C-alpha cells in the first residue's frame, strides 16, 4: 500500500464524500483518488489544484468541512503544524487527516531548505513529534510505507514523554516510539 491506496481505502471504508488535498502539484494523487467531492489546494499556477492559493489563504477563506484531508504541501515543520491545526478545524466528526513524508531515510533528505536531490521529505517529522508530546486529544499512527503515510484522527493517545532534543540523531535512535510506527497490517486492523 502507498499513500493513494491508504487514502482510498479510508474513503471506501468510511463512505467519505468530501476530500481535500493540500499540495496537489501535477495531480497524480488528486486525480487518482475517487471521492464524490474533491478540493485541491496548491499555490503553483501550473498545478492541477482547484484552488491555486496557499494553504494558509485557503483555510482562512474556507467554510467547507471535509471527511478526509491529505496534507502533502510545503515540507517544513512550521507549515505542516499550521496545516494540521487548520485541518482539524475543517474536519468533520469521524474524519481523518493523512500526512505524507514523515520518515526521512537520511539527514540530507530532511534538511531545510531543499537541497538538489530527487527525494525530499523536509523536516515535517518534527511537527509529528511535537503533536505526540502535546496533543492527548488526537489518535496518531505513522504507517511504515511510502516514506510514511501517517494518520491523525480526533480521539485519545498517551502523550509521548520525551526529554531529548528534537533533532535528526535522536529521531533515528527513537523513531519507532516518537512516530508511533505501525505496519500496513496494523493499519488495516485499526482503521479498516
C-alpha atoms as a PDB file:
ATOM      1  CA  UNK A   1       0.000   0.000   0.000  1.00  0.00           C
ATOM      2  CA  UNK A   2       1.062   3.552  -0.661  1.00  0.00           C
ATOM      3  CA  UNK A   3      -0.471   6.914   0.267  1.00  0.00           C
ATOM      4  CA  UNK A   4      -3.014   6.741  -2.559  1.00  0.00           C
ATOM      5  CA  UNK A   5      -4.293   3.264  -1.698  1.00  0.00           C
ATOM      6  CA  UNK A   6      -4.358   4.149   2.009  1.00  0.00           C
ATOM      7  CA  UNK A   7      -6.428   7.294   1.352  1.00  0.00           C
ATOM      8  CA  UNK A   8      -8.763   5.415  -0.996  1.00  0.00           C
ATOM      9  CA  UNK A   9      -9.247   2.582   1.491  1.00  0.00           C
ATOM     10  CA  UNK A  10     -10.226   5.106   4.182  1.00  0.00           C
ATOM     11  CA  UNK A  11     -12.677   6.785   1.789  1.00  0.00           C
ATOM     12  CA  UNK A  12     -14.221   3.462   0.807  1.00  0.00           C
ATOM     13  CA  UNK A  13     -14.398   2.022   4.343  1.00  0.00           C
ATOM     14  CA  UNK A  14     -15.937   5.149   5.883  1.00  0.00           C
ATOM     15  CA  UNK A  15     -18.077   6.207   2.910  1.00  0.00           C
ATOM     16  CA  UNK A  16     -16.356   9.592   2.921  1.00  0.00           C
ATOM     17  CA  UNK A  17     -17.789  12.116   0.453  1.00  0.00           C
ATOM     18  CA  UNK A  18     -15.603  15.217   0.833  1.00  0.00           C
ATOM     19  CA  UNK A  19     -11.863  15.099   0.129  1.00  0.00           C
ATOM     20  CA  UNK A  20      -9.323  17.911   0.489  1.00  0.00           C
ATOM     21  CA  UNK A  21      -5.751  17.648  -0.734  1.00  0.00           C
ATOM     22  CA  UNK A  22      -3.103  20.243   0.153  1.00  0.00           C
ATOM     23  CA  UNK A  23      -0.049  20.064  -2.108  1.00  0.00           C
ATOM     24  CA  UNK A  24      -1.568  18.829  -5.369  1.00  0.00           C
ATOM     25  CA  UNK A  25       1.350  19.585  -7.726  1.00  0.00           C
ATOM     26  CA  UNK A  26       0.836  17.752 -11.055  1.00  0.00           C
ATOM     27  CA  UNK A  27      -2.205  15.965  -9.627  1.00  0.00           C
ATOM     28  CA  UNK A  28      -1.176  12.292  -9.632  1.00  0.00           C
ATOM     29  CA  UNK A  29      -2.729  11.583  -6.239  1.00  0.00           C
ATOM     30  CA  UNK A  30      -5.574  14.106  -6.601  1.00  0.00           C
ATOM     31  CA  UNK A  31      -6.703  12.771  -9.969  1.00  0.00           C
ATOM     32  CA  UNK A  32      -6.382   9.119  -8.903  1.00  0.00           C
ATOM     33  CA  UNK A  33      -8.456   9.412  -5.719  1.00  0.00           C
ATOM     34  CA  UNK A  34     -12.132   8.564  -6.206  1.00  0.00           C
ATOM     35  CA  UNK A  35     -14.401  10.633  -3.977  1.00  0.00           C
ATOM     36  CA  UNK A  36     -17.690  12.428  -4.600  1.00  0.00           C
ATOM     37  CA  UNK A  37     -16.381  15.949  -3.865  1.00  0.00           C
ATOM     38  CA  UNK A  38     -12.709  16.793  -4.283  1.00  0.00           C
ATOM     39  CA  UNK A  39     -10.938  20.050  -3.450  1.00  0.00           C
ATOM     40  CA  UNK A  40      -7.267  20.579  -4.235  1.00  0.00           C
ATOM     41  CA  UNK A  41      -5.012  23.365  -2.977  1.00  0.00           C
ATOM     42  CA  UNK A  42      -1.614  24.356  -4.352  1.00  0.00           C
ATOM     43  CA  UNK A  43      -0.142  27.842  -4.932  1.00  0.00           C
ATOM     44  CA  UNK A  44       1.557  26.756  -8.170  1.00  0.00           C
ATOM     45  CA  UNK A  45      -0.475  28.177 -11.042  1.00  0.00           C
ATOM     46  CA  UNK A  46       0.595  25.194 -13.180  1.00  0.00           C
ATOM     47  CA  UNK A  47      -0.701  22.661 -10.638  1.00  0.00           C
ATOM     48  CA  UNK A  48      -3.814  20.506 -11.050  1.00  0.00           C
ATOM     49  CA  UNK A  49      -5.383  22.136  -7.978  1.00  0.00           C
ATOM     50  CA  UNK A  50      -8.909  23.508  -7.937  1.00  0.00           C
ATOM     51  CA  UNK A  51      -7.699  26.355  -5.672  1.00  0.00           C
ATOM     52  CA  UNK A  52      -4.359  27.844  -6.757  1.00  0.00           C
ATOM     53  CA  UNK A  53      -3.577  29.602  -3.490  1.00  0.00           C
ATOM     54  CA  UNK A  54      -1.535  28.867  -0.385  1.00  0.00           C
ATOM     55  CA  UNK A  55      -2.960  26.546   2.243  1.00  0.00           C
ATOM     56  CA  UNK A  56      -2.936  29.445   4.741  1.00  0.00           C
ATOM     57  CA  UNK A  57      -5.103  31.510   2.392  1.00  0.00           C
ATOM     58  CA  UNK A  58      -7.386  28.559   1.636  1.00  0.00           C
ATOM     59  CA  UNK A  59      -8.038  27.739   5.283  1.00  0.00           C
ATOM     60  CA  UNK A  60      -8.564  31.426   6.130  1.00  0.00           C
ATOM     61  CA  UNK A  61     -11.302  31.676   3.489  1.00  0.00           C
ATOM     62  CA  UNK A  62     -12.686  28.133   3.736  1.00  0.00           C
ATOM     63  CA  UNK A  63     -16.206  27.499   5.007  1.00  0.00           C
ATOM     64  CA  UNK A  64     -16.421  23.837   3.976  1.00  0.00           C
ATOM     65  CA  UNK A  65     -15.811  20.789   6.132  1.00  0.00           C
ATOM     66  CA  UNK A  66     -14.161  17.608   4.939  1.00  0.00           C
ATOM     67  CA  UNK A  67     -14.280  13.893   5.737  1.00  0.00           C
ATOM     68  CA  UNK A  68     -10.665  13.290   4.769  1.00  0.00           C
ATOM     69  CA  UNK A  69      -7.790  15.727   4.325  1.00  0.00           C
ATOM     70  CA  UNK A  70      -4.450  14.825   2.763  1.00  0.00           C
ATOM     71  CA  UNK A  71      -1.583  17.142   3.723  1.00  0.00           C
ATOM     72  CA  UNK A  72       1.411  16.957   1.402  1.00  0.00           C
ATOM     73  CA  UNK A  73       2.222  20.638   0.898  1.00  0.00           C
ATOM     74  CA  UNK A  74       5.333  22.565   1.872  1.00  0.00           C
ATOM     75  CA  UNK A  75       7.591  20.111   3.709  1.00  0.00           C
ATOM     76  CA  UNK A  76       8.548  22.488   6.519  1.00  0.00           C
ATOM     77  CA  UNK A  77       7.630  21.610  10.111  1.00  0.00           C
ATOM     78  CA  UNK A  78       6.181  25.039  10.882  1.00  0.00           C
ATOM     79  CA  UNK A  79       3.926  24.951   7.805  1.00  0.00           C
ATOM     80  CA  UNK A  80       2.715  21.414   8.462  1.00  0.00           C
ATOM     81  CA  UNK A  81       1.838  22.374  12.018  1.00  0.00           C
ATOM     82  CA  UNK A  82      -0.337  25.224  10.722  1.00  0.00           C
ATOM     83  CA  UNK A  83      -1.888  22.928   8.116  1.00  0.00           C
ATOM     84  CA  UNK A  84      -2.719  20.246  10.702  1.00  0.00           C
ATOM     85  CA  UNK A  85      -4.249  22.732  13.143  1.00  0.00           C
ATOM     86  CA  UNK A  86      -6.310  24.298  10.339  1.00  0.00           C
ATOM     87  CA  UNK A  87      -7.300  20.866   9.008  1.00  0.00           C
ATOM     88  CA  UNK A  88      -8.542  19.824  12.452  1.00  0.00           C
ATOM     89  CA  UNK A  89     -10.919  22.808  12.403  1.00  0.00           C
ATOM     90  CA  UNK A  90     -12.213  21.834   8.939  1.00  0.00           C
ATOM     91  CA  UNK A  91     -12.517  18.108   9.717  1.00  0.00           C
ATOM     92  CA  UNK A  92     -15.954  16.547  10.050  1.00  0.00           C
ATOM     93  CA  UNK A  93     -16.772  14.333  13.020  1.00  0.00           C
ATOM     94  CA  UNK A  94     -15.243  10.903  12.384  1.00  0.00           C
ATOM     95  CA  UNK A  95     -12.933  12.352   9.744  1.00  0.00           C
ATOM     96  CA  UNK A  96      -9.297  11.548   9.048  1.00  0.00           C
ATOM     97  CA  UNK A  97      -6.199  13.595   8.284  1.00  0.00           C
ATOM     98  CA  UNK A  98      -3.473  11.864   6.276  1.00  0.00           C
ATOM     99  CA  UNK A  99       0.068  13.252   6.135  1.00  0.00           C
ATOM    100  CA  UNK A 100       2.976  12.162   3.968  1.00  0.00           C
ATOM    101  CA  UNK A 101       6.795  12.120   4.199  1.00  0.00           C
ATOM    102  CA  UNK A 102       7.231  11.519   7.927  1.00  0.00           C
ATOM    103  CA  UNK A 103      10.165   9.086   7.735  1.00  0.00           C
ATOM    104  CA  UNK A 104      13.244  10.543   6.039  1.00  0.00           C
ATOM    105  CA  UNK A 105      15.910   7.935   5.352  1.00  0.00           C
ATOM    106  CA  UNK A 106      18.885  10.300   5.557  1.00  0.00           C
ATOM    107  CA  UNK A 107      19.791  13.535   7.296  1.00  0.00           C
ATOM    108  CA  UNK A 108      20.077  15.311   3.950  1.00  0.00           C
ATOM    109  CA  UNK A 109      16.574  14.153   2.946  1.00  0.00           C
ATOM    110  CA  UNK A 110      15.045  16.201   5.769  1.00  0.00           C
ATOM    111  CA  UNK A 111      17.194  19.330   5.600  1.00  0.00           C
ATOM    112  CA  UNK A 112      15.666  22.753   5.092  1.00  0.00           C
ATOM    113  CA  UNK A 113      15.994  24.349   2.577  1.00  0.00           C
ATOM    114  CA  UNK A 114      15.549  21.739  -0.127  1.00  0.00           C
ATOM    115  CA  UNK A 115      18.886  20.549  -1.481  1.00  0.00           C
ATOM    116  CA  UNK A 116      19.466  19.396  -5.052  1.00  0.00           C
ATOM    117  CA  UNK A 117      18.177  15.823  -4.802  1.00  0.00           C
ATOM    118  CA  UNK A 118      15.379  13.572  -6.015  1.00  0.00           C
ATOM    119  CA  UNK A 119      13.919  12.571  -2.645  1.00  0.00           C
ATOM    120  CA  UNK A 120      12.983  15.137  -0.013  1.00  0.00           C
ATOM    121  CA  UNK A 121      10.700  14.812   2.987  1.00  0.00           C
ATOM    122  CA  UNK A 122      11.662  18.020   4.707  1.00  0.00           C
ATOM    123  CA  UNK A 123      11.528  18.184   8.484  1.00  0.00           C
ATOM    124  CA  UNK A 124       7.780  17.582   8.904  1.00  0.00           C
ATOM    125  CA  UNK A 125       8.534  14.685  11.260  1.00  0.00           C
ATOM    126  CA  UNK A 126       9.369  17.333  13.892  1.00  0.00           C
ATOM    127  CA  UNK A 127       5.746  18.529  13.900  1.00  0.00           C
ATOM    128  CA  UNK A 128       4.579  14.932  14.317  1.00  0.00           C
ATOM    129  CA  UNK A 129       6.788  14.505  17.410  1.00  0.00           C
ATOM    130  CA  UNK A 130       5.611  17.827  18.841  1.00  0.00           C
ATOM    131  CA  UNK A 131       1.949  16.814  18.484  1.00  0.00           C
ATOM    132  CA  UNK A 132       2.650  13.390  20.024  1.00  0.00           C
ATOM    133  CA  UNK A 133       4.111  15.221  23.038  1.00  0.00           C
ATOM    134  CA  UNK A 134       1.366  17.847  23.416  1.00  0.00           C
ATOM    135  CA  UNK A 135      -1.949  16.592  21.999  1.00  0.00           C
ATOM    136  CA  UNK A 136      -3.647  13.870  24.042  1.00  0.00           C
ATOM    137  CA  UNK A 137      -6.881  14.587  22.109  1.00  0.00           C
ATOM    138  CA  UNK A 138      -5.537  13.024  18.905  1.00  0.00           C
ATOM    139  CA  UNK A 139      -5.011   9.459  17.712  1.00  0.00           C
ATOM    140  CA  UNK A 140      -1.809   9.343  15.637  1.00  0.00           C
ATOM    141  CA  UNK A 141      -0.128   6.493  13.766  1.00  0.00           C
ATOM    142  CA  UNK A 142       2.689   6.541  11.258  1.00  0.00           C
ATOM    143  CA  UNK A 143       2.409   3.718   8.697  1.00  0.00           C
ATOM    144  CA  UNK A 144       5.796   2.413   7.624  1.00  0.00           C
ATOM    145  CA  UNK A 145       5.277   2.699   3.867  1.00  0.00           C
ATOM    146  CA  UNK A 146       5.936   5.276   1.144  1.00  0.00           C
ATOM    147  CA  UNK A 147       8.230   7.426   3.383  1.00  0.00           C
ATOM    148  CA  UNK A 148       5.453   7.130   5.920  1.00  0.00           C
ATOM    149  CA  UNK A 149       1.816   7.791   5.341  1.00  0.00           C
ATOM    150  CA  UNK A 150       0.509   8.989   8.678  1.00  0.00           C
ATOM    151  CA  UNK A 151      -2.966   9.108  10.171  1.00  0.00           C
ATOM    152  CA  UNK A 152      -4.488  11.639  12.557  1.00  0.00           C
ATOM    153  CA  UNK A 153      -7.978  11.332  13.995  1.00  0.00           C
ATOM    154  CA  UNK A 154      -9.640  13.146  16.838  1.00  0.00           C
ATOM    155  CA  UNK A 155      -9.564  10.767  19.783  1.00  0.00           C
ATOM    156  CA  UNK A 156      -7.121   9.878  22.541  1.00  0.00           C
ATOM    157  CA  UNK A 157      -3.472   8.992  22.786  1.00  0.00           C
ATOM    158  CA  UNK A 158      -0.998   8.556  25.568  1.00  0.00           C
ATOM    159  CA  UNK A 159       1.349  11.508  25.378  1.00  0.00           C
ATOM    160  CA  UNK A 160       4.901  10.830  24.312  1.00  0.00           C
ATOM    161  CA  UNK A 161       7.297  11.568  27.141  1.00  0.00           C
ATOM    162  CA  UNK A 162      10.487  12.988  25.703  1.00  0.00           C
ATOM    163  CA  UNK A 163      13.324  14.908  27.352  1.00  0.00           C
ATOM    164  CA  UNK A 164      15.686  14.710  24.382  1.00  0.00           C
ATOM    165  CA  UNK A 165      16.320  17.476  21.861  1.00  0.00           C
ATOM    166  CA  UNK A 166      14.189  17.006  18.753  1.00  0.00           C
ATOM    167  CA  UNK A 167      16.968  16.557  16.225  1.00  0.00           C
ATOM    168  CA  UNK A 168      17.702  14.064  13.481  1.00  0.00           C
ATOM    169  CA  UNK A 169      20.138  11.950  15.519  1.00  0.00           C
ATOM    170  CA  UNK A 170      17.565  11.449  18.292  1.00  0.00           C
ATOM    171  CA  UNK A 171      14.875  10.855  15.678  1.00  0.00           C
ATOM    172  CA  UNK A 172      16.873   7.963  14.212  1.00  0.00           C
ATOM    173  CA  UNK A 173      17.525   6.481  17.663  1.00  0.00           C
ATOM    174  CA  UNK A 174      13.883   6.815  18.788  1.00  0.00           C
ATOM    175  CA  UNK A 175      11.757   6.925  15.640  1.00  0.00           C
ATOM    176  CA  UNK A 176       9.582   3.873  16.375  1.00  0.00           C
ATOM    177  CA  UNK A 177       8.468   5.366  19.682  1.00  0.00           C
ATOM    178  CA  UNK A 178       8.440   9.017  18.627  1.00  0.00           C
ATOM    179  CA  UNK A 179       6.494   8.414  15.429  1.00  0.00           C
ATOM    180  CA  UNK A 180       4.224   5.622  16.742  1.00  0.00           C
ATOM    181  CA  UNK A 181       5.089   3.497  13.712  1.00  0.00           C
ATOM    182  CA  UNK A 182       2.738   0.712  12.648  1.00  0.00           C
ATOM    183  CA  UNK A 183       2.786  -1.789   9.806  1.00  0.00           C
ATOM    184  CA  UNK A 184       0.305  -1.917   6.951  1.00  0.00           C
ATOM    185  CA  UNK A 185      -1.358  -4.918   8.621  1.00  0.00           C
ATOM    186  CA  UNK A 186      -1.721  -2.976  11.869  1.00  0.00           C
ATOM    187  CA  UNK A 187      -3.194  -0.062   9.913  1.00  0.00           C
ATOM    188  CA  UNK A 188      -5.778  -2.392   8.377  1.00  0.00           C
ATOM    189  CA  UNK A 189      -6.677  -3.810  11.812  1.00  0.00           C
ATOM    190  CA  UNK A 190      -7.003  -0.373  13.434  1.00  0.00           C
ATOM    191  CA  UNK A 191      -8.609   1.684  10.665  1.00  0.00           C
ATOM    192  CA  UNK A 192     -10.290  -0.631   8.152  1.00  0.00           C
END
